[in-house]
Amino acid sequence: MSELKEALKSWRRYLHMHPETAFEELKTSEFLAERLEEMGLEVHRGIGGTGIVADLKVGDGTGIIGLRADMDAIHLEEQNELDYKSIYQGKMHACGHDGHMATLLGAAKILSECRNFKGTVRFLFQPAEELGKGAYAMIRDGLLEKYPMDEIYGLHNAPAYPEGRFLTRAGHICSSEDNFEIIIRGRGGHASTPHLVIDPLVPAAEIFLALQTIVSRNVLPNDFAVISCTELHTDGAHNTIPGTVSILGDTRSYSPEVQKLIEERMKRICESTCQMNGARCEFKYTHEFAPTINWAEQAATAVNAAIRVVGEENVEENCLPFRGSEDFGVFLEKIPGCFVYLGAGKEGEKPGSLHSAHFDYNDDILETGAKYFAELVKCRLGCK
């Protein structure tokens, strides 16, 4: 095993064993900062809470490339039996952010040793991706003013795709995520006297079904959109008509225009349906994740770098967009860049699932990811 691969594996397993959730990544960020300083990088701590920016400047080049990894774990009790199993109850790296951090540390190690470029590489370790708040927090804290970048690149593991295969595309690569809560207030009472109440379950049922017509009848068929009602709560009982019903869920889309259409149509359907039934409606809609939309030039660069690392046969340059959400999209609203997926599935094995209590990162793709990031810098900042 190479020295780099051994270091990557060691870092990743330490991080897996010590998961920290959103905006609590204090020990994680300190571990990363220490490793980066050992490599000779200039480290800036406490950006957006626990975020880190580490600079590697070589020569007199003026170009600045940002490379980003997410740091936070999720609230989940790990079910794996591993030597490096999470030591914190109810917290684990079940989305692979431990691997993303180790991969970016590996890129820093490669670039700090080979120094085959002119310019500055900014390594961003971002908190709170799972909440969709970390990128915003770093930007609000002056990231782009204090540490400007010409372009930015990110990576996420994809266990459903073959190990070592890169997937990306120009344009939308990840969906937005918006959350909603619809509170319907009627007048409860005994189940035997429905004529004396205002039953909120009736408009709730009508709303539940009517929301699905937004996708089928209002969204252009070529556009992607999903509206999912995921929770239904009442204050009733088996013999009591409730006074209040709450419907919760989320929506997904790839464009701000579709996001806006969904929100406006949902609000109108909810309010008019409640009015028709004599109930009152409270409509809450929040934007959790922006869509992640890759820039064309940077997507082409990402494809080129991936081909140099794994060969053309292992790079899909116009993949289908992913349904999940990723707050890297916030950076791409401000800076040109590209987000890619790196396959992690082992041949002959059932693909692992992100956010599963049995998830474990595939250590065999760590070096591939690190070399990809290093190749990106070489492509954009050139050789000395």
Protein backbone atom coordinates (compact mmCIF):
# COMPACT_ATOMS: atom_id res chain seq x y z
CA MET A 1 0.00 0.00 0.00
CA SER A 2 1.37 3.43 -0.95
CA GLU A 3 2.21 6.01 1.70
CA LEU A 4 -0.58 8.27 0.40
CA LYS A 5 -3.17 5.50 0.47
CA GLU A 6 -2.16 4.50 3.99
CA ALA A 7 -2.44 8.11 5.19
CA LEU A 8 -5.84 8.55 3.52
CA LYS A 9 -7.17 5.38 5.11
CA SER A 10 -5.87 6.36 8.54
CA TRP A 11 -7.34 9.87 8.35
CA ARG A 12 -10.69 8.64 7.08
CA ARG A 13 -11.07 6.03 9.80
CA TYR A 14 -10.12 8.46 12.55
CA LEU A 15 -12.75 10.89 11.26
CA HIS A 16 -15.33 8.10 11.00
CA MET A 17 -14.69 7.17 14.61
CA HIS A 18 -15.13 10.77 15.80
CA PRO A 19 -18.23 12.15 14.02
CA GLU A 20 -19.57 15.59 14.88
CA THR A 21 -22.86 17.01 13.65
CA ALA A 22 -23.69 20.40 12.12
CA PHE A 23 -21.87 23.43 13.58
CA GLU A 24 -20.36 21.22 16.31
CA GLU A 25 -17.36 20.05 14.27
CA LEU A 26 -14.80 21.51 16.70
CA LYS A 27 -12.52 18.48 17.14
CA THR A 28 -12.95 17.59 13.47
CA SER A 29 -11.84 21.03 12.28
CA GLU A 30 -8.89 21.06 14.68
CA PHE A 31 -7.76 17.64 13.45
CA LEU A 32 -7.94 18.87 9.86
CA ALA A 33 -6.15 22.13 10.67
CA GLU A 34 -3.29 20.29 12.34
CA ARG A 35 -2.81 17.97 9.37
CA LEU A 36 -2.89 20.92 6.93
CA GLU A 37 -0.37 22.90 8.98
CA GLU A 38 1.92 19.88 9.04
CA MET A 39 1.87 20.06 5.23
CA GLY A 40 2.93 23.71 5.36
CA LEU A 41 -0.41 25.29 4.46
CA GLU A 42 -1.65 28.58 5.92
CA VAL A 43 -4.80 27.71 7.87
CA HIS A 44 -7.67 30.06 8.73
CA ARG A 45 -10.07 28.74 11.38
CA GLY A 46 -13.57 29.59 12.56
CA ILE A 47 -15.16 30.62 9.26
CA GLY A 48 -18.91 30.20 9.38
CA GLY A 49 -18.58 28.68 12.83
CA THR A 50 -16.28 25.67 12.52
CA GLY A 51 -15.24 26.05 8.86
CA ILE A 52 -11.64 26.11 7.67
CA VAL A 53 -9.85 27.65 4.72
CA ALA A 54 -6.28 26.48 4.07
CA ASP A 55 -4.12 28.18 1.44
CA LEU A 56 -1.34 26.68 -0.64
CA LYS A 57 0.40 29.31 -2.80
CA VAL A 58 3.04 28.34 -5.34
CA GLY A 59 4.98 30.75 -7.55
CA ASP A 60 3.74 34.09 -8.79
CA GLY A 61 0.50 32.97 -10.45
CA THR A 62 -2.61 35.01 -9.73
CA GLY A 63 -5.24 32.30 -10.27
CA ILE A 64 -7.13 30.99 -7.22
CA ILE A 65 -8.93 27.62 -7.22
CA GLY A 66 -11.23 26.50 -4.41
CA LEU A 67 -11.62 22.83 -3.48
CA ARG A 68 -14.33 21.99 -0.95
CA ALA A 69 -15.25 19.10 1.37
CA ASP A 70 -18.09 18.88 3.90
CA MET A 71 -17.40 17.97 7.54
CA ASP A 72 -20.61 17.14 9.40
CA ALA A 73 -22.01 13.77 10.43
CA ILE A 74 -25.69 12.96 10.90
CA HIS A 75 -27.81 11.95 13.89
CA LEU A 76 -27.92 8.17 13.50
CA GLU A 77 -26.86 5.25 15.66
CA GLU A 78 -24.21 3.26 13.79
CA GLN A 79 -24.98 -0.45 13.34
CA ASN A 80 -21.61 -1.49 11.90
CA GLU A 81 -19.18 -3.64 13.87
CA LEU A 82 -15.89 -1.98 12.93
CA ASP A 83 -12.62 -1.27 14.71
CA TYR A 84 -13.26 2.39 13.86
CA LYS A 85 -16.99 2.48 14.67
CA SER A 86 -18.37 5.82 15.91
CA ILE A 87 -17.57 6.39 19.57
CA TYR A 88 -20.40 8.92 19.94
CA GLN A 89 -23.88 7.58 20.63
CA GLY A 90 -26.44 8.62 18.03
CA LYS A 91 -23.92 10.17 15.63
CA MET A 92 -22.17 8.69 12.59
CA HIS A 93 -20.67 9.52 9.24
CA ALA A 94 -23.40 7.87 7.17
CA CYS A 95 -23.11 10.10 4.10
CA GLY A 96 -19.37 9.82 3.50
CA HIS A 97 -18.22 13.22 4.69
CA ASP A 98 -15.39 11.43 6.51
CA GLY A 99 -14.20 10.21 3.11
CA HIS A 100 -14.67 13.63 1.51
CA MET A 101 -12.48 15.25 4.17
CA ALA A 102 -9.78 12.61 3.85
CA THR A 103 -9.86 12.95 0.06
CA LEU A 104 -9.29 16.71 0.25
CA LEU A 105 -6.49 16.22 2.80
CA GLY A 106 -4.96 13.82 0.28
CA ALA A 107 -5.16 16.43 -2.47
CA ALA A 108 -3.44 18.92 -0.16
CA LYS A 109 -0.68 16.38 0.50
CA ILE A 110 -0.15 15.69 -3.21
CA LEU A 111 -0.09 19.37 -4.18
CA SER A 112 2.09 20.47 -1.27
CA GLU A 113 4.67 17.88 -2.29
CA CYS A 114 4.61 18.15 -6.11
CA ARG A 115 3.91 21.92 -6.33
CA ASN A 116 3.37 21.61 -10.10
CA PHE A 117 1.27 24.75 -10.53
CA LYS A 118 1.42 28.53 -10.26
CA GLY A 119 -1.20 30.25 -8.16
CA THR A 120 -3.22 29.56 -5.02
CA VAL A 121 -5.33 26.59 -4.02
CA ARG A 122 -7.89 27.22 -1.28
CA PHE A 123 -9.00 24.10 0.55
CA LEU A 124 -12.44 24.66 2.10
CA PHE A 125 -13.72 22.40 4.85
CA GLN A 126 -17.36 23.33 5.31
CA PRO A 127 -19.64 22.70 8.29
CA ALA A 128 -23.33 21.83 8.36
CA GLU A 129 -23.93 20.57 4.84
CA GLU A 130 -26.64 18.20 6.04
CA LEU A 131 -28.71 21.14 7.25
CA GLY A 132 -28.12 23.11 4.07
CA LYS A 133 -26.76 25.94 6.24
CA GLY A 134 -22.97 25.60 6.16
CA ALA A 135 -22.19 27.20 2.81
CA TYR A 136 -24.47 30.13 3.68
CA ALA A 137 -22.72 30.48 7.05
CA MET A 138 -19.27 30.67 5.49
CA ILE A 139 -20.40 33.19 2.90
CA ARG A 140 -22.15 35.34 5.54
CA ASP A 141 -18.90 35.28 7.50
CA GLY A 142 -17.11 36.99 4.61
CA LEU A 143 -15.62 33.95 2.89
CA LEU A 144 -15.75 35.40 -0.61
CA GLU A 145 -14.42 38.81 0.43
CA LYS A 146 -11.61 37.53 2.69
CA TYR A 147 -10.71 34.49 0.59
CA PRO A 148 -11.80 35.12 -3.01
CA MET A 149 -11.74 32.32 -5.59
CA ASP A 150 -11.93 32.28 -9.37
CA GLU A 151 -13.65 28.87 -9.40
CA ILE A 152 -14.65 26.14 -6.99
CA TYR A 153 -14.96 22.35 -7.21
CA GLY A 154 -16.59 19.69 -5.04
CA LEU A 155 -17.05 15.91 -4.93
CA HIS A 156 -19.48 13.41 -3.40
CA ASN A 157 -19.27 9.63 -3.22
CA ALA A 158 -21.93 7.61 -5.05
CA PRO A 159 -22.24 4.02 -3.75
CA ALA A 160 -24.85 3.10 -6.38
CA TYR A 161 -22.26 3.53 -9.18
CA PRO A 162 -19.16 1.46 -9.96
CA GLU A 163 -16.03 2.11 -7.95
CA GLY A 164 -13.81 4.78 -9.51
CA ARG A 165 -16.37 6.04 -12.05
CA PHE A 166 -16.85 9.83 -12.28
CA LEU A 167 -20.23 11.32 -13.13
CA THR A 168 -21.09 14.95 -13.82
CA ARG A 169 -22.84 17.25 -16.28
CA ALA A 170 -23.07 20.88 -17.24
CA GLY A 171 -26.21 22.48 -15.80
CA HIS A 172 -28.28 21.12 -12.93
CA ILE A 173 -26.65 18.20 -11.17
CA CYS A 174 -28.57 18.19 -7.82
CA SER A 175 -32.08 19.29 -6.99
CA SER A 176 -33.28 21.98 -4.65
CA GLU A 177 -35.04 21.03 -1.46
CA ASP A 178 -37.87 23.10 0.01
CA ASN A 179 -39.83 22.12 3.13
CA PHE A 180 -43.45 22.90 3.85
CA GLU A 181 -45.94 22.74 6.71
CA ILE A 182 -49.65 23.22 6.08
CA ILE A 183 -51.71 23.80 9.24
CA ILE A 184 -55.47 23.48 8.75
CA ARG A 185 -57.63 24.76 11.59
CA GLY A 186 -61.29 23.82 11.86
CA ARG A 187 -63.56 23.21 14.86
CA GLY A 188 -63.37 19.79 16.43
CA GLY A 189 -66.08 17.81 18.12
CA HIS A 190 -67.69 14.43 18.61
CA ALA A 191 -67.45 12.00 15.70
CA SER A 192 -71.20 11.35 15.92
CA THR A 193 -72.10 15.00 15.16
CA PRO A 194 -70.08 16.06 12.10
CA HIS A 195 -72.73 18.67 11.25
CA LEU A 196 -71.74 20.65 14.35
CA VAL A 197 -68.01 20.85 13.52
CA ILE A 198 -65.71 22.13 10.82
CA ASP A 199 -63.80 18.98 9.97
CA PRO A 200 -60.21 19.90 8.97
CA LEU A 201 -59.55 16.38 7.69
CA VAL A 202 -61.79 17.02 4.69
CA PRO A 203 -59.78 19.95 3.27
CA ALA A 204 -56.59 18.13 4.33
CA ALA A 205 -57.54 15.16 2.15
CA GLU A 206 -58.46 17.42 -0.75
CA ILE A 207 -55.19 19.35 -0.42
CA PHE A 208 -53.16 16.14 -0.15
CA LEU A 209 -54.43 14.96 -3.53
CA ALA A 210 -54.62 18.36 -5.22
CA LEU A 211 -50.94 19.08 -4.58
CA GLN A 212 -50.02 16.27 -6.96
CA THR A 213 -51.74 18.09 -9.82
CA ILE A 214 -49.08 20.81 -9.66
CA VAL A 215 -46.49 18.46 -11.12
CA SER A 216 -48.86 16.80 -13.59
CA ARG A 217 -50.69 19.92 -14.75
CA ASN A 218 -48.61 23.02 -14.00
CA VAL A 219 -44.96 22.02 -14.43
CA LEU A 220 -43.59 21.68 -17.95
CA PRO A 221 -43.23 17.92 -18.61
CA ASN A 222 -39.55 18.41 -19.51
CA ASP A 223 -38.85 19.91 -16.06
CA PHE A 224 -38.21 17.81 -12.96
CA ALA A 225 -40.38 18.36 -9.89
CA VAL A 226 -41.49 16.28 -6.91
CA ILE A 227 -43.95 17.18 -4.16
CA SER A 228 -43.99 14.69 -1.29
CA CYS A 229 -46.32 14.87 1.69
CA THR A 230 -44.41 12.89 4.32
CA GLU A 231 -46.22 13.53 7.63
CA LEU A 232 -49.84 13.96 8.73
CA HIS A 233 -50.71 14.95 12.31
CA THR A 234 -54.05 15.61 14.03
CA ASP A 235 -55.23 16.37 17.54
CA GLY A 236 -58.19 14.01 17.21
CA ALA A 237 -58.96 10.49 18.46
CA HIS A 238 -60.94 7.51 17.15
CA ASN A 239 -64.20 9.10 18.28
CA THR A 240 -63.19 12.75 18.02
CA ILE A 241 -63.04 14.92 14.91
CA PRO A 242 -59.86 16.97 15.24
CA GLY A 243 -59.68 20.71 15.39
CA THR A 244 -56.30 20.91 13.68
CA VAL A 245 -54.50 18.92 10.98
CA SER A 246 -50.90 19.46 9.91
CA ILE A 247 -49.39 18.21 6.64
CA LEU A 248 -45.60 18.29 6.30
CA GLY A 249 -43.31 17.38 3.46
CA ASP A 250 -40.77 18.57 0.94
CA THR A 251 -40.46 19.51 -2.71
CA ARG A 252 -37.62 19.03 -5.20
CA SER A 253 -36.81 20.75 -8.46
CA TYR A 254 -33.85 21.81 -10.58
CA SER A 255 -34.60 25.45 -11.33
CA PRO A 256 -35.54 28.58 -9.35
CA GLU A 257 -38.46 29.13 -11.75
CA VAL A 258 -40.00 25.76 -10.91
CA GLN A 259 -39.33 26.34 -7.21
CA LYS A 260 -41.30 29.58 -7.37
CA LEU A 261 -44.15 28.02 -9.35
CA ILE A 262 -44.50 25.16 -6.84
CA GLU A 263 -44.58 27.49 -3.84
CA GLU A 264 -47.15 29.84 -5.38
CA ARG A 265 -49.47 27.04 -6.57
CA MET A 266 -49.25 25.18 -3.25
CA LYS A 267 -50.18 28.31 -1.31
CA ARG A 268 -53.14 29.05 -3.57
CA ILE A 269 -54.47 25.47 -3.43
CA CYS A 270 -54.18 25.31 0.37
CA GLU A 271 -55.80 28.67 1.06
CA SER A 272 -58.66 28.31 -1.42
CA THR A 273 -59.46 24.72 -0.37
CA CYS A 274 -59.62 25.70 3.28
CA GLN A 275 -61.78 28.74 2.49
CA MET A 276 -64.16 26.55 0.51
CA ASN A 277 -64.56 24.24 3.52
CA GLY A 278 -64.90 26.97 6.13
CA ALA A 279 -61.48 26.20 7.66
CA ARG A 280 -58.46 28.41 8.20
CA CYS A 281 -55.04 27.76 6.72
CA GLU A 282 -51.50 28.56 7.78
CA PHE A 283 -48.97 27.88 5.00
CA LYS A 284 -45.25 27.70 5.83
CA TYR A 285 -42.67 27.18 3.08
CA THR A 286 -38.90 27.29 3.56
CA HIS A 287 -36.00 27.04 1.10
CA GLU A 288 -33.49 24.56 2.53
CA PHE A 289 -31.19 23.77 -0.41
CA ALA A 290 -30.59 25.70 -3.60
CA PRO A 291 -30.29 23.62 -6.79
CA THR A 292 -26.71 22.75 -7.67
CA ILE A 293 -26.06 24.02 -11.19
CA ASN A 294 -22.66 23.33 -12.76
CA TRP A 295 -20.99 25.89 -15.01
CA ALA A 296 -20.26 24.59 -18.52
CA GLU A 297 -16.57 25.55 -18.74
CA GLN A 298 -15.76 24.15 -15.31
CA ALA A 299 -17.74 20.97 -16.01
CA ALA A 300 -15.59 20.43 -19.10
CA THR A 301 -12.47 20.93 -16.97
CA ALA A 302 -13.73 18.45 -14.39
CA VAL A 303 -14.36 15.87 -17.10
CA ASN A 304 -10.88 16.41 -18.54
CA ALA A 305 -9.23 16.01 -15.13
CA ALA A 306 -11.23 12.87 -14.37
CA ILE A 307 -10.28 11.32 -17.73
CA ARG A 308 -6.61 11.92 -16.97
CA VAL A 309 -6.97 10.08 -13.68
CA VAL A 310 -9.25 7.12 -14.51
CA GLY A 311 -9.52 7.03 -18.33
CA GLU A 312 -12.32 8.09 -20.66
CA GLU A 313 -14.21 4.82 -20.24
CA ASN A 314 -14.71 5.59 -16.54
CA VAL A 315 -16.09 9.11 -16.94
CA GLU A 316 -19.73 9.95 -17.65
CA GLU A 317 -19.79 13.58 -18.77
CA ASN A 318 -23.54 13.97 -19.23
CA CYS A 319 -25.09 11.89 -16.48
CA LEU A 320 -28.69 12.08 -15.40
CA PRO A 321 -29.19 14.71 -12.68
CA PHE A 322 -29.26 13.43 -9.11
CA ARG A 323 -32.48 13.77 -7.09
CA GLY A 324 -30.74 14.56 -3.81
CA SER A 325 -29.77 18.02 -2.61
CA GLU A 326 -26.37 19.49 -1.80
CA ASP A 327 -25.55 22.94 -0.45
CA PHE A 328 -22.53 23.25 -2.75
CA GLY A 329 -25.11 24.90 -5.01
CA VAL A 330 -24.86 28.02 -2.85
CA PHE A 331 -21.23 28.45 -3.91
CA LEU A 332 -22.13 27.94 -7.56
CA GLU A 333 -24.60 30.82 -7.35
CA LYS A 334 -21.61 33.07 -6.63
CA ILE A 335 -18.57 31.42 -8.27
CA PRO A 336 -18.05 29.36 -11.44
CA GLY A 337 -17.45 25.73 -10.61
CA CYS A 338 -18.46 22.10 -10.87
CA PHE A 339 -19.68 19.32 -8.62
CA VAL A 340 -18.99 15.67 -9.47
CA TYR A 341 -19.91 12.25 -8.13
CA LEU A 342 -17.37 9.46 -7.66
CA GLY A 343 -18.66 5.89 -7.81
CA ALA A 344 -17.98 3.78 -4.73
CA GLY A 345 -19.79 0.51 -5.43
CA LYS A 346 -17.73 -2.67 -5.32
CA GLU A 347 -18.24 -5.22 -8.08
CA GLY A 348 -20.38 -8.15 -7.01
CA GLU A 349 -21.58 -6.44 -3.83
CA LYS A 350 -24.97 -4.90 -3.15
CA PRO A 351 -24.62 -1.11 -3.27
CA GLY A 352 -24.50 0.61 0.09
CA SER A 353 -27.02 3.32 0.87
CA LEU A 354 -26.25 6.84 2.03
CA HIS A 355 -27.81 7.74 5.39
CA SER A 356 -27.97 4.08 6.37
CA ALA A 357 -26.87 2.91 9.83
CA HIS A 358 -24.74 0.31 7.99
CA PHE A 359 -23.00 2.72 5.62
CA ASP A 360 -19.19 2.77 5.46
CA TYR A 361 -17.05 4.71 3.00
CA ASN A 362 -15.11 2.74 0.39
CA ASP A 363 -11.46 3.47 1.23
CA ASP A 364 -10.38 2.29 -2.22
CA ILE A 365 -11.69 5.48 -3.87
CA LEU A 366 -9.88 7.90 -1.56
CA GLU A 367 -6.70 8.06 -3.61
CA THR A 368 -8.69 8.38 -6.85
CA GLY A 369 -10.55 11.40 -5.48
CA ALA A 370 -7.38 13.02 -4.15
CA LYS A 371 -5.61 12.61 -7.49
CA TYR A 372 -8.65 14.04 -9.29
CA PHE A 373 -8.58 17.22 -7.19
CA ALA A 374 -4.83 17.55 -7.75
CA GLU A 375 -5.30 17.08 -11.50
CA LEU A 376 -7.96 19.81 -11.52
CA VAL A 377 -5.45 22.27 -10.10
CA LYS A 378 -2.87 21.23 -12.67
CA CYS A 379 -5.44 21.71 -15.46
CA ARG A 380 -6.46 25.19 -14.31
CA LEU A 381 -3.25 26.66 -12.90
CA GLY A 382 -0.79 24.91 -15.20
CA CYS A 383 2.67 23.55 -14.58
CA LYS A 384 5.67 25.55 -13.43
